[in-house]
Protein backbone atom coordinates (compact mmCIF):
# COMPACT_ATOMS: atom_id res chain seq x y z
CA UNK A 1 0.09 0.03 0.28
CA UNK A 2 1.26 3.10 -0.45
CA UNK A 3 0.56 6.33 1.29
CA UNK A 4 -1.40 7.75 -0.95
CA UNK A 5 -3.46 4.79 -0.25
CA UNK A 6 -2.94 4.43 3.37
CA UNK A 7 -4.19 8.24 3.90
CA UNK A 8 -7.45 7.89 1.83
CA UNK A 9 -7.72 4.49 3.34
CA UNK A 10 -7.77 6.76 7.47
CA UNK A 11 -9.68 9.60 5.91
CA UNK A 12 -12.46 6.27 4.95
CA UNK A 13 -12.13 5.15 8.02
CA UNK A 14 -12.73 8.44 9.90
CA UNK A 15 -15.78 9.19 7.83
CA UNK A 16 -17.38 6.12 9.67
CA UNK A 17 -16.02 6.10 13.08
CA UNK A 18 -14.15 3.54 12.93
CA UNK A 19 -11.45 4.06 15.61
CA UNK A 20 -9.59 0.15 15.71
CA UNK A 21 -9.58 0.15 11.29
CA UNK A 22 -7.72 4.28 11.94
CA UNK A 23 -5.51 3.33 14.54
CA UNK A 24 -4.26 0.23 12.85
CA UNK A 25 -3.19 2.23 9.65
CA UNK A 26 -0.43 4.34 11.75
CA UNK A 27 2.92 3.51 13.70
CA UNK A 28 2.17 1.94 17.23
CA UNK A 29 4.15 4.62 18.54
CA UNK A 30 1.67 7.01 17.48
CA UNK A 31 -0.39 9.36 19.74
CA UNK A 32 -3.76 9.60 18.08
CA UNK A 33 -4.95 13.04 19.92
CA UNK A 34 -8.57 13.97 19.69
CA UNK A 35 -9.77 17.77 18.13
CA UNK A 36 -9.48 20.36 21.17
CA UNK A 37 -11.47 22.56 19.58
CA UNK A 38 -14.88 23.70 22.20
CA UNK A 39 -17.35 23.97 20.05
CA UNK A 40 -19.88 27.24 19.94
């Protein structure tokens, strides 16, 4: 899988709220933090 395919699959998993699939595409040492922006 090339880098473009990884990013496409990452966004697809994100849009499906499939967090496990999304995290499976990144290095295990990556700390994925949720968005810290506050809603109005």
